[in-house]
């Protein structure tokens, strides 16, 4: 409870506020509502409001803000407008998403440094990292692999004398953490059935073959030994190699797509 205010710094009583509003030439009290009878605009932070309610500054709304249907690019969009544009793909270059979170890019143009992240699977016809050299664009199409999801690594090595033959050892227990080869090994299911190697001798003809040695998993979950891939040759030789391994989750990505209703990007009879 406060007294009747007599100075501008005094707290105002309800009766003083009600009386002031009733006698104000622009504000009218009607029950619990207060409205402005001025036919012009109301400005906050501006002396020249250009709209019915013009705020020059920030605002905070604890509850829902209701707006009309947008007709210009600078207008706030309603939920119904956004839902219609996204699910129906009615907006030029829109991203259309179904209820199961499967989305279609209808000519979307992603430029600059933007990234697509958190996507489980991309279904596209062709991946083309476009290079621009000397003012001319050149396509560098990404090859696809028929079958389960796989990871690849390429490198070079040189076989040295070991017993009756020559060999080059990849011991994954001593591969530096964070290296490309370490990452490849971490990503794949390493076994004779899920890893393949192709080797090509450099500078001379030579016979090269390989062997996969898999660490043993004990009953308690511990592992004995180390995963190894050993290249052998009939003479000392420098060579290049490519490793292809099934990714650890390859069983989740069968050759026959799980969703047969998904729109295909390449159709054959």
C-alpha atoms as a PDB file:
ATOM      1  CA  UNK A   1       0.000   0.000   0.000  1.00  0.00           C
ATOM      2  CA  UNK A   2       1.414   3.361  -0.979  1.00  0.00           C
ATOM      3  CA  UNK A   3       0.154   6.905  -0.693  1.00  0.00           C
ATOM      4  CA  UNK A   4      -1.056   9.123  -3.483  1.00  0.00           C
ATOM      5  CA  UNK A   5       1.990  10.071  -5.607  1.00  0.00           C
ATOM      6  CA  UNK A   6       2.953  13.740  -5.727  1.00  0.00           C
ATOM      7  CA  UNK A   7       6.342  13.520  -7.483  1.00  0.00           C
ATOM      8  CA  UNK A   8       7.451  11.794 -10.682  1.00  0.00           C
ATOM      9  CA  UNK A   9       9.674   9.380  -8.749  1.00  0.00           C
ATOM     10  CA  UNK A  10       6.878   8.189  -6.422  1.00  0.00           C
ATOM     11  CA  UNK A  11       5.239   4.778  -6.774  1.00  0.00           C
ATOM     12  CA  UNK A  12       1.800   5.128  -8.349  1.00  0.00           C
ATOM     13  CA  UNK A  13      -1.389   3.764  -6.815  1.00  0.00           C
ATOM     14  CA  UNK A  14      -3.950   1.814  -8.831  1.00  0.00           C
ATOM     15  CA  UNK A  15      -6.488   4.593  -8.509  1.00  0.00           C
ATOM     16  CA  UNK A  16      -3.978   7.133  -9.826  1.00  0.00           C
ATOM     17  CA  UNK A  17      -3.176   4.956 -12.866  1.00  0.00           C
ATOM     18  CA  UNK A  18      -6.865   4.244 -13.561  1.00  0.00           C
ATOM     19  CA  UNK A  19      -7.691   7.933 -13.268  1.00  0.00           C
ATOM     20  CA  UNK A  20      -4.831   8.917 -15.555  1.00  0.00           C
ATOM     21  CA  UNK A  21      -5.903   6.419 -18.190  1.00  0.00           C
ATOM     22  CA  UNK A  22      -9.504   7.517 -18.039  1.00  0.00           C
ATOM     23  CA  UNK A  23      -8.553  11.172 -18.569  1.00  0.00           C
ATOM     24  CA  UNK A  24      -5.874  10.446 -21.223  1.00  0.00           C
ATOM     25  CA  UNK A  25      -6.866  11.662 -24.675  1.00  0.00           C
ATOM     26  CA  UNK A  26      -5.378   8.589 -26.411  1.00  0.00           C
ATOM     27  CA  UNK A  27      -5.923   5.662 -24.003  1.00  0.00           C
ATOM     28  CA  UNK A  28      -9.264   4.178 -23.037  1.00  0.00           C
ATOM     29  CA  UNK A  29      -9.951   1.643 -20.267  1.00  0.00           C
ATOM     30  CA  UNK A  30     -12.645  -0.954 -20.990  1.00  0.00           C
ATOM     31  CA  UNK A  31     -12.936  -3.542 -18.217  1.00  0.00           C
ATOM     32  CA  UNK A  32      -9.572  -5.315 -18.035  1.00  0.00           C
ATOM     33  CA  UNK A  33      -8.483  -3.940 -21.407  1.00  0.00           C
ATOM     34  CA  UNK A  34      -6.669  -0.756 -22.340  1.00  0.00           C
ATOM     35  CA  UNK A  35      -6.646   0.447 -25.930  1.00  0.00           C
ATOM     36  CA  UNK A  36      -5.393   3.408 -27.891  1.00  0.00           C
ATOM     37  CA  UNK A  37      -8.035   5.477 -29.604  1.00  0.00           C
ATOM     38  CA  UNK A  38      -5.464   7.190 -31.819  1.00  0.00           C
ATOM     39  CA  UNK A  39      -5.963   6.316 -35.488  1.00  0.00           C
ATOM     40  CA  UNK A  40      -2.211   6.541 -36.159  1.00  0.00           C
ATOM     41  CA  UNK A  41       0.749   4.323 -35.148  1.00  0.00           C
ATOM     42  CA  UNK A  42       2.331   3.434 -31.816  1.00  0.00           C
ATOM     43  CA  UNK A  43       6.108   3.636 -31.509  1.00  0.00           C
ATOM     44  CA  UNK A  44       8.521   2.317 -28.895  1.00  0.00           C
ATOM     45  CA  UNK A  45      12.056   3.611 -29.247  1.00  0.00           C
ATOM     46  CA  UNK A  46      11.059   5.682 -32.256  1.00  0.00           C
ATOM     47  CA  UNK A  47       9.266   9.002 -32.705  1.00  0.00           C
ATOM     48  CA  UNK A  48       8.228   8.175 -36.259  1.00  0.00           C
ATOM     49  CA  UNK A  49       6.515   4.749 -36.140  1.00  0.00           C
ATOM     50  CA  UNK A  50       5.788   3.397 -39.586  1.00  0.00           C
ATOM     51  CA  UNK A  51       3.463   0.608 -38.486  1.00  0.00           C
ATOM     52  CA  UNK A  52       0.538   0.210 -36.110  1.00  0.00           C
ATOM     53  CA  UNK A  53       3.089  -1.082 -33.586  1.00  0.00           C
ATOM     54  CA  UNK A  54       6.693  -0.143 -34.375  1.00  0.00           C
ATOM     55  CA  UNK A  55       9.491  -1.221 -32.000  1.00  0.00           C
ATOM     56  CA  UNK A  56      13.032   0.036 -32.505  1.00  0.00           C
ATOM     57  CA  UNK A  57      14.874  -2.527 -30.404  1.00  0.00           C
ATOM     58  CA  UNK A  58      14.530  -6.066 -29.120  1.00  0.00           C
ATOM     59  CA  UNK A  59      11.493  -7.768 -27.644  1.00  0.00           C
ATOM     60  CA  UNK A  60      10.730 -10.790 -25.516  1.00  0.00           C
ATOM     61  CA  UNK A  61       7.595 -12.943 -25.683  1.00  0.00           C
ATOM     62  CA  UNK A  62       6.929 -15.658 -23.102  1.00  0.00           C
ATOM     63  CA  UNK A  63       3.942 -17.042 -24.995  1.00  0.00           C
ATOM     64  CA  UNK A  64       2.903 -17.669 -28.596  1.00  0.00           C
ATOM     65  CA  UNK A  65       3.166 -14.793 -31.073  1.00  0.00           C
ATOM     66  CA  UNK A  66       0.332 -14.830 -33.608  1.00  0.00           C
ATOM     67  CA  UNK A  67       1.046 -13.432 -37.085  1.00  0.00           C
ATOM     68  CA  UNK A  68      -0.818 -13.337 -40.363  1.00  0.00           C
ATOM     69  CA  UNK A  69      -0.049 -15.338 -43.492  1.00  0.00           C
ATOM     70  CA  UNK A  70       3.251 -14.046 -44.925  1.00  0.00           C
ATOM     71  CA  UNK A  71       3.139 -12.359 -48.336  1.00  0.00           C
ATOM     72  CA  UNK A  72       6.647 -10.862 -48.515  1.00  0.00           C
ATOM     73  CA  UNK A  73      10.098 -12.329 -47.906  1.00  0.00           C
ATOM     74  CA  UNK A  74      10.615 -10.153 -44.803  1.00  0.00           C
ATOM     75  CA  UNK A  75       7.372 -11.272 -43.134  1.00  0.00           C
ATOM     76  CA  UNK A  76       7.319 -13.647 -40.164  1.00  0.00           C
ATOM     77  CA  UNK A  77       6.124 -17.083 -41.259  1.00  0.00           C
ATOM     78  CA  UNK A  78       3.273 -18.942 -39.605  1.00  0.00           C
ATOM     79  CA  UNK A  79       3.611 -22.578 -38.571  1.00  0.00           C
ATOM     80  CA  UNK A  80       1.051 -23.640 -41.179  1.00  0.00           C
ATOM     81  CA  UNK A  81       3.020 -21.870 -43.929  1.00  0.00           C
ATOM     82  CA  UNK A  82       6.284 -23.560 -42.926  1.00  0.00           C
ATOM     83  CA  UNK A  83       4.658 -26.987 -42.562  1.00  0.00           C
ATOM     84  CA  UNK A  84       3.049 -26.668 -45.979  1.00  0.00           C
ATOM     85  CA  UNK A  85       6.263 -25.565 -47.654  1.00  0.00           C
ATOM     86  CA  UNK A  86       8.414 -28.276 -46.041  1.00  0.00           C
ATOM     87  CA  UNK A  87       6.115 -31.293 -46.352  1.00  0.00           C
ATOM     88  CA  UNK A  88       4.690 -30.365 -49.730  1.00  0.00           C
ATOM     89  CA  UNK A  89       7.759 -28.917 -51.366  1.00  0.00           C
ATOM     90  CA  UNK A  90       5.714 -25.967 -52.610  1.00  0.00           C
ATOM     91  CA  UNK A  91       8.514 -23.445 -52.184  1.00  0.00           C
ATOM     92  CA  UNK A  92      11.184 -23.145 -54.882  1.00  0.00           C
ATOM     93  CA  UNK A  93      14.239 -25.211 -53.921  1.00  0.00           C
ATOM     94  CA  UNK A  94      12.474 -26.532 -50.831  1.00  0.00           C
ATOM     95  CA  UNK A  95      13.470 -29.393 -48.568  1.00  0.00           C
ATOM     96  CA  UNK A  96      10.545 -31.817 -48.410  1.00  0.00           C
ATOM     97  CA  UNK A  97      10.447 -34.169 -45.410  1.00  0.00           C
ATOM     98  CA  UNK A  98       8.022 -37.012 -44.821  1.00  0.00           C
ATOM     99  CA  UNK A  99       6.721 -38.047 -41.442  1.00  0.00           C
ATOM    100  CA  UNK A 100       9.452 -40.679 -41.102  1.00  0.00           C
ATOM    101  CA  UNK A 101      12.144 -37.976 -41.418  1.00  0.00           C
ATOM    102  CA  UNK A 102      12.997 -39.007 -44.994  1.00  0.00           C
ATOM    103  CA  UNK A 103      13.692 -35.792 -46.903  1.00  0.00           C
ATOM    104  CA  UNK A 104      13.893 -34.880 -50.566  1.00  0.00           C
ATOM    105  CA  UNK A 105      15.996 -32.024 -51.882  1.00  0.00           C
ATOM    106  CA  UNK A 106      13.943 -30.360 -54.593  1.00  0.00           C
ATOM    107  CA  UNK A 107      16.709 -28.474 -56.355  1.00  0.00           C
ATOM    108  CA  UNK A 108      18.146 -27.142 -53.096  1.00  0.00           C
ATOM    109  CA  UNK A 109      21.255 -25.047 -53.669  1.00  0.00           C
ATOM    110  CA  UNK A 110      23.717 -25.422 -50.777  1.00  0.00           C
ATOM    111  CA  UNK A 111      26.597 -23.001 -51.217  1.00  0.00           C
ATOM    112  CA  UNK A 112      29.484 -21.533 -49.282  1.00  0.00           C
ATOM    113  CA  UNK A 113      30.794 -23.275 -46.179  1.00  0.00           C
ATOM    114  CA  UNK A 114      27.515 -24.909 -45.175  1.00  0.00           C
ATOM    115  CA  UNK A 115      27.476 -28.585 -44.246  1.00  0.00           C
ATOM    116  CA  UNK A 116      24.916 -31.367 -44.173  1.00  0.00           C
ATOM    117  CA  UNK A 117      25.313 -33.112 -40.831  1.00  0.00           C
ATOM    118  CA  UNK A 118      23.547 -35.759 -38.803  1.00  0.00           C
ATOM    119  CA  UNK A 119      22.138 -37.517 -41.866  1.00  0.00           C
ATOM    120  CA  UNK A 120      21.890 -41.321 -41.660  1.00  0.00           C
ATOM    121  CA  UNK A 121      21.768 -41.969 -45.416  1.00  0.00           C
ATOM    122  CA  UNK A 122      21.878 -39.869 -48.596  1.00  0.00           C
ATOM    123  CA  UNK A 123      20.113 -41.263 -51.663  1.00  0.00           C
ATOM    124  CA  UNK A 124      21.516 -39.423 -54.684  1.00  0.00           C
ATOM    125  CA  UNK A 125      22.043 -40.192 -58.353  1.00  0.00           C
ATOM    126  CA  UNK A 126      25.583 -38.833 -58.655  1.00  0.00           C
ATOM    127  CA  UNK A 127      28.107 -37.173 -56.356  1.00  0.00           C
ATOM    128  CA  UNK A 128      30.226 -34.649 -58.240  1.00  0.00           C
ATOM    129  CA  UNK A 129      32.860 -32.580 -56.389  1.00  0.00           C
ATOM    130  CA  UNK A 130      33.108 -29.815 -58.979  1.00  0.00           C
ATOM    131  CA  UNK A 131      36.574 -28.333 -59.577  1.00  0.00           C
ATOM    132  CA  UNK A 132      37.039 -24.928 -61.200  1.00  0.00           C
ATOM    133  CA  UNK A 133      40.434 -24.632 -62.863  1.00  0.00           C
ATOM    134  CA  UNK A 134      41.399 -21.705 -65.064  1.00  0.00           C
ATOM    135  CA  UNK A 135      37.816 -20.519 -65.225  1.00  0.00           C
ATOM    136  CA  UNK A 136      36.494 -23.899 -66.415  1.00  0.00           C
ATOM    137  CA  UNK A 137      34.420 -26.325 -64.309  1.00  0.00           C
ATOM    138  CA  UNK A 138      35.514 -29.983 -64.253  1.00  0.00           C
ATOM    139  CA  UNK A 139      33.541 -32.886 -62.827  1.00  0.00           C
ATOM    140  CA  UNK A 140      35.213 -35.415 -60.516  1.00  0.00           C
ATOM    141  CA  UNK A 141      32.534 -38.050 -60.044  1.00  0.00           C
ATOM    142  CA  UNK A 142      32.698 -40.225 -56.929  1.00  0.00           C
ATOM    143  CA  UNK A 143      32.604 -43.965 -57.752  1.00  0.00           C
ATOM    144  CA  UNK A 144      30.055 -46.160 -56.006  1.00  0.00           C
ATOM    145  CA  UNK A 145      30.436 -49.678 -54.600  1.00  0.00           C
ATOM    146  CA  UNK A 146      27.863 -52.390 -55.226  1.00  0.00           C
ATOM    147  CA  UNK A 147      27.144 -54.182 -52.001  1.00  0.00           C
ATOM    148  CA  UNK A 148      27.481 -53.340 -48.332  1.00  0.00           C
ATOM    149  CA  UNK A 149      29.025 -50.170 -46.915  1.00  0.00           C
ATOM    150  CA  UNK A 150      32.837 -50.290 -47.067  1.00  0.00           C
ATOM    151  CA  UNK A 151      35.875 -48.221 -46.170  1.00  0.00           C
ATOM    152  CA  UNK A 152      39.059 -47.924 -48.235  1.00  0.00           C
ATOM    153  CA  UNK A 153      42.697 -47.036 -47.596  1.00  0.00           C
ATOM    154  CA  UNK A 154      45.589 -46.779 -50.036  1.00  0.00           C
ATOM    155  CA  UNK A 155      49.300 -46.706 -49.294  1.00  0.00           C
ATOM    156  CA  UNK A 156      52.778 -47.789 -50.345  1.00  0.00           C
ATOM    157  CA  UNK A 157      55.279 -50.194 -48.880  1.00  0.00           C
ATOM    158  CA  UNK A 158      58.474 -52.138 -49.547  1.00  0.00           C
ATOM    159  CA  UNK A 159      59.083 -55.795 -48.787  1.00  0.00           C
ATOM    160  CA  UNK A 160      62.259 -56.839 -46.981  1.00  0.00           C
ATOM    161  CA  UNK A 161      63.917 -60.205 -46.379  1.00  0.00           C
ATOM    162  CA  UNK A 162      62.081 -62.420 -43.890  1.00  0.00           C
ATOM    163  CA  UNK A 163      62.927 -66.132 -43.858  1.00  0.00           C
ATOM    164  CA  UNK A 164      62.560 -67.680 -47.306  1.00  0.00           C
ATOM    165  CA  UNK A 165      60.504 -64.778 -48.645  1.00  0.00           C
ATOM    166  CA  UNK A 166      60.236 -61.037 -48.410  1.00  0.00           C
ATOM    167  CA  UNK A 167      57.498 -59.322 -46.468  1.00  0.00           C
ATOM    168  CA  UNK A 168      55.888 -56.017 -45.474  1.00  0.00           C
ATOM    169  CA  UNK A 169      53.973 -55.986 -42.173  1.00  0.00           C
ATOM    170  CA  UNK A 170      50.989 -53.885 -41.159  1.00  0.00           C
ATOM    171  CA  UNK A 171      50.641 -54.423 -37.403  1.00  0.00           C
ATOM    172  CA  UNK A 172      47.530 -52.553 -36.337  1.00  0.00           C
ATOM    173  CA  UNK A 173      48.438 -52.752 -32.645  1.00  0.00           C
ATOM    174  CA  UNK A 174      51.330 -50.351 -33.279  1.00  0.00           C
ATOM    175  CA  UNK A 175      49.691 -48.077 -35.843  1.00  0.00           C
ATOM    176  CA  UNK A 176      49.855 -44.449 -34.610  1.00  0.00           C
ATOM    177  CA  UNK A 177      46.493 -43.368 -33.206  1.00  0.00           C
ATOM    178  CA  UNK A 178      44.832 -40.784 -35.408  1.00  0.00           C
ATOM    179  CA  UNK A 179      46.646 -41.847 -38.570  1.00  0.00           C
ATOM    180  CA  UNK A 180      44.718 -42.694 -41.744  1.00  0.00           C
ATOM    181  CA  UNK A 181      45.553 -46.396 -41.444  1.00  0.00           C
ATOM    182  CA  UNK A 182      44.560 -46.460 -37.765  1.00  0.00           C
ATOM    183  CA  UNK A 183      41.223 -44.862 -38.606  1.00  0.00           C
ATOM    184  CA  UNK A 184      40.567 -47.364 -41.392  1.00  0.00           C
ATOM    185  CA  UNK A 185      41.220 -50.290 -39.052  1.00  0.00           C
ATOM    186  CA  UNK A 186      38.954 -48.808 -36.374  1.00  0.00           C
ATOM    187  CA  UNK A 187      36.121 -48.369 -38.884  1.00  0.00           C
ATOM    188  CA  UNK A 188      36.092 -51.848 -40.424  1.00  0.00           C
ATOM    189  CA  UNK A 189      35.275 -55.349 -39.288  1.00  0.00           C
ATOM    190  CA  UNK A 190      38.725 -56.863 -39.613  1.00  0.00           C
ATOM    191  CA  UNK A 191      38.673 -60.480 -40.749  1.00  0.00           C
ATOM    192  CA  UNK A 192      39.622 -62.670 -43.673  1.00  0.00           C
ATOM    193  CA  UNK A 193      36.032 -62.577 -44.924  1.00  0.00           C
ATOM    194  CA  UNK A 194      35.517 -58.828 -44.697  1.00  0.00           C
ATOM    195  CA  UNK A 195      38.857 -57.333 -45.788  1.00  0.00           C
ATOM    196  CA  UNK A 196      40.445 -57.409 -49.223  1.00  0.00           C
ATOM    197  CA  UNK A 197      43.813 -56.138 -50.442  1.00  0.00           C
ATOM    198  CA  UNK A 198      45.108 -55.349 -53.922  1.00  0.00           C
ATOM    199  CA  UNK A 199      48.854 -54.811 -54.411  1.00  0.00           C
ATOM    200  CA  UNK A 200      50.777 -53.618 -57.481  1.00  0.00           C
ATOM    201  CA  UNK A 201      54.594 -53.804 -57.732  1.00  0.00           C
ATOM    202  CA  UNK A 202      56.406 -50.637 -58.781  1.00  0.00           C
ATOM    203  CA  UNK A 203      59.208 -50.577 -61.338  1.00  0.00           C
ATOM    204  CA  UNK A 204      59.507 -54.328 -61.863  1.00  0.00           C
ATOM    205  CA  UNK A 205      57.531 -57.526 -62.151  1.00  0.00           C
ATOM    206  CA  UNK A 206      57.102 -59.450 -58.914  1.00  0.00           C
ATOM    207  CA  UNK A 207      54.768 -61.902 -57.262  1.00  0.00           C
ATOM    208  CA  UNK A 208      52.929 -60.380 -54.299  1.00  0.00           C
ATOM    209  CA  UNK A 209      50.408 -62.030 -52.024  1.00  0.00           C
ATOM    210  CA  UNK A 210      48.994 -61.270 -48.586  1.00  0.00           C
ATOM    211  CA  UNK A 211      47.815 -62.891 -45.384  1.00  0.00           C
ATOM    212  CA  UNK A 212      45.359 -61.669 -42.753  1.00  0.00           C
ATOM    213  CA  UNK A 213      46.076 -62.508 -39.116  1.00  0.00           C
ATOM    214  CA  UNK A 214      43.211 -61.728 -36.754  1.00  0.00           C
ATOM    215  CA  UNK A 215      43.561 -61.214 -33.005  1.00  0.00           C
ATOM    216  CA  UNK A 216      41.798 -63.858 -30.947  1.00  0.00           C
ATOM    217  CA  UNK A 217      38.822 -62.842 -28.800  1.00  0.00           C
ATOM    218  CA  UNK A 218      38.685 -64.730 -25.505  1.00  0.00           C
ATOM    219  CA  UNK A 219      35.569 -65.827 -23.627  1.00  0.00           C
ATOM    220  CA  UNK A 220      35.911 -62.902 -21.190  1.00  0.00           C
ATOM    221  CA  UNK A 221      35.993 -60.391 -24.055  1.00  0.00           C
ATOM    222  CA  UNK A 222      39.738 -59.743 -23.920  1.00  0.00           C
ATOM    223  CA  UNK A 223      41.873 -60.076 -27.044  1.00  0.00           C
ATOM    224  CA  UNK A 224      45.070 -62.034 -27.524  1.00  0.00           C
ATOM    225  CA  UNK A 225      47.568 -61.051 -30.185  1.00  0.00           C
ATOM    226  CA  UNK A 226      47.023 -58.306 -32.745  1.00  0.00           C
ATOM    227  CA  UNK A 227      45.305 -57.750 -36.073  1.00  0.00           C
ATOM    228  CA  UNK A 228      47.884 -57.902 -38.849  1.00  0.00           C
ATOM    229  CA  UNK A 229      47.975 -57.775 -42.623  1.00  0.00           C
ATOM    230  CA  UNK A 230      51.186 -59.167 -44.129  1.00  0.00           C
ATOM    231  CA  UNK A 231      52.297 -58.727 -47.742  1.00  0.00           C
ATOM    232  CA  UNK A 232      54.770 -61.268 -49.136  1.00  0.00           C
ATOM    233  CA  UNK A 233      56.818 -61.173 -52.327  1.00  0.00           C
ATOM    234  CA  UNK A 234      59.345 -63.357 -54.132  1.00  0.00           C
ATOM    235  CA  UNK A 235      61.887 -60.508 -54.230  1.00  0.00           C
ATOM    236  CA  UNK A 236      62.426 -57.164 -52.533  1.00  0.00           C
ATOM    237  CA  UNK A 237      60.017 -54.776 -54.200  1.00  0.00           C
ATOM    238  CA  UNK A 238      58.354 -51.431 -53.673  1.00  0.00           C
ATOM    239  CA  UNK A 239      54.602 -51.580 -54.223  1.00  0.00           C
ATOM    240  CA  UNK A 240      51.345 -49.706 -53.808  1.00  0.00           C
ATOM    241  CA  UNK A 241      48.277 -51.231 -52.204  1.00  0.00           C
ATOM    242  CA  UNK A 242      44.602 -50.609 -51.587  1.00  0.00           C
ATOM    243  CA  UNK A 243      42.683 -52.038 -48.637  1.00  0.00           C
ATOM    244  CA  UNK A 244      38.900 -52.433 -48.718  1.00  0.00           C
ATOM    245  CA  UNK A 245      37.009 -53.481 -45.605  1.00  0.00           C
ATOM    246  CA  UNK A 246      33.367 -53.852 -44.669  1.00  0.00           C
ATOM    247  CA  UNK A 247      32.436 -51.095 -42.227  1.00  0.00           C
ATOM    248  CA  UNK A 248      31.611 -52.359 -38.751  1.00  0.00           C
ATOM    249  CA  UNK A 249      27.885 -51.709 -39.287  1.00  0.00           C
ATOM    250  CA  UNK A 250      27.693 -53.214 -42.795  1.00  0.00           C
ATOM    251  CA  UNK A 251      24.947 -55.655 -41.809  1.00  0.00           C
ATOM    252  CA  UNK A 252      22.597 -52.715 -41.276  1.00  0.00           C
ATOM    253  CA  UNK A 253      22.933 -51.741 -44.952  1.00  0.00           C
ATOM    254  CA  UNK A 254      21.866 -54.727 -47.101  1.00  0.00           C
ATOM    255  CA  UNK A 255      22.106 -54.734 -50.888  1.00  0.00           C
ATOM    256  CA  UNK A 256      18.309 -54.808 -51.143  1.00  0.00           C
ATOM    257  CA  UNK A 257      17.164 -51.529 -49.626  1.00  0.00           C
ATOM    258  CA  UNK A 258      15.110 -51.823 -46.463  1.00  0.00           C
ATOM    259  CA  UNK A 259      12.643 -49.177 -47.618  1.00  0.00           C
ATOM    260  CA  UNK A 260      11.249 -50.276 -50.973  1.00  0.00           C
ATOM    261  CA  UNK A 261       8.949 -47.228 -51.089  1.00  0.00           C
ATOM    262  CA  UNK A 262      11.906 -44.831 -51.190  1.00  0.00           C
ATOM    263  CA  UNK A 263      12.195 -42.914 -54.459  1.00  0.00           C
ATOM    264  CA  UNK A 264      15.049 -44.298 -56.574  1.00  0.00           C
ATOM    265  CA  UNK A 265      17.548 -41.947 -58.236  1.00  0.00           C
ATOM    266  CA  UNK A 266      18.534 -44.359 -60.995  1.00  0.00           C
ATOM    267  CA  UNK A 267      15.921 -46.650 -62.540  1.00  0.00           C
ATOM    268  CA  UNK A 268      16.568 -49.687 -64.731  1.00  0.00           C
ATOM    269  CA  UNK A 269      13.909 -51.967 -66.236  1.00  0.00           C
END
